[in-house]
Amino acid sequence: MAAEKAKAEQSEQRQPSIVCAKESLDLLNCVTESPYDETKCIRLLESLRTCVLNQKVKKFSLAEPHLPESSENKK
């Protein structure tokens, strides 16, 4: 059990943290909410903007989804 926990912790440490991920996700989820709360979303936008400036982010990109290989691709 302890070995599994240690492996999980090592795996988490190897994965780079995504800069401003929480702020980005919070804003995206805000705009999908119904009813739309513009005041809340503007506050979250400002929070994301602050993070981007502090972290010197130049560009965001979304990761490509990992699709399992079909049997046709393995031939």
Protein backbone atom coordinates (compact mmCIF):
# COMPACT_ATOMS: atom_id res chain seq x y z
CA MET A 1 0.00 0.00 0.00
CA ALA A 2 2.79 2.43 0.89
CA ALA A 3 4.63 1.56 -2.33
CA GLU A 4 1.52 2.36 -4.39
CA LYS A 5 1.13 5.69 -2.64
CA ALA A 6 4.78 6.54 -3.26
CA LYS A 7 4.41 5.67 -6.97
CA ALA A 8 1.32 7.85 -7.25
CA GLU A 9 3.13 10.77 -5.59
CA GLN A 10 6.13 10.38 -7.93
CA SER A 11 3.82 10.33 -10.94
CA GLU A 12 2.10 13.51 -9.77
CA GLN A 13 5.46 15.22 -9.25
CA ARG A 14 6.58 14.39 -12.80
CA GLN A 15 3.51 15.93 -14.38
CA PRO A 16 4.09 19.64 -14.96
CA SER A 17 1.49 21.90 -13.46
CA ILE A 18 -0.56 23.81 -15.97
CA VAL A 19 -0.11 27.54 -15.55
CA CYS A 20 -3.35 29.35 -14.65
CA ALA A 21 -5.33 26.10 -15.06
CA LYS A 22 -7.68 26.76 -12.15
CA GLU A 23 -8.43 30.30 -13.28
CA SER A 24 -9.05 29.16 -16.85
CA LEU A 25 -11.32 26.32 -15.85
CA ASP A 26 -13.27 28.49 -13.40
CA LEU A 27 -13.92 31.08 -16.12
CA LEU A 28 -14.96 28.47 -18.70
CA ASN A 29 -17.34 26.86 -16.23
CA CYS A 30 -18.76 30.25 -15.29
CA VAL A 31 -19.79 31.07 -18.85
CA THR A 32 -21.60 27.74 -19.16
CA GLU A 33 -23.69 28.25 -16.02
CA SER A 34 -27.36 29.02 -16.27
CA PRO A 35 -28.37 31.58 -15.27
CA TYR A 36 -25.31 33.43 -16.50
CA ASP A 37 -23.74 35.58 -13.78
CA GLU A 38 -21.86 38.28 -15.68
CA THR A 39 -20.45 39.90 -12.54
CA LYS A 40 -18.98 36.61 -11.36
CA CYS A 41 -17.52 35.84 -14.80
CA ILE A 42 -15.94 39.28 -15.08
CA ARG A 43 -14.32 38.77 -11.68
CA LEU A 44 -12.99 35.38 -12.85
CA LEU A 45 -11.76 36.92 -16.11
CA GLU A 46 -9.83 39.52 -14.11
CA SER A 47 -8.38 36.74 -11.96
CA LEU A 48 -7.24 34.87 -15.08
CA ARG A 49 -5.76 38.06 -16.54
CA THR A 50 -3.79 38.68 -13.34
CA CYS A 51 -2.46 35.12 -13.40
CA VAL A 52 -1.46 35.40 -17.07
CA LEU A 53 0.42 38.63 -16.41
CA ASN A 54 2.12 37.29 -13.29
CA GLN A 55 3.16 34.03 -14.98
CA LYS A 56 4.11 35.76 -18.25
CA VAL A 57 1.90 33.45 -20.31
CA LYS A 58 2.19 34.15 -24.03
CA LYS A 59 -0.26 31.62 -25.41
CA PHE A 60 -2.63 28.88 -24.29
CA SER A 61 -3.21 25.65 -26.15
CA LEU A 62 -5.45 22.67 -25.59
CA ALA A 63 -4.02 19.17 -25.56
CA GLU A 64 -5.10 16.79 -28.29
CA PRO A 65 -7.33 14.02 -26.97
CA HIS A 66 -5.58 10.67 -26.74
CA LEU A 67 -7.55 8.24 -28.85
CA PRO A 68 -6.96 4.54 -28.38
CA GLU A 69 -5.48 2.91 -31.47
CA SER A 70 -8.00 0.93 -33.45
CA SER A 71 -7.17 -2.53 -34.70
CA GLU A 72 -6.97 -1.07 -38.23
CA ASN A 73 -4.13 1.25 -37.25
CA LYS A 74 -2.08 -1.63 -35.85
CA LYS A 75 -1.92 -3.55 -39.15
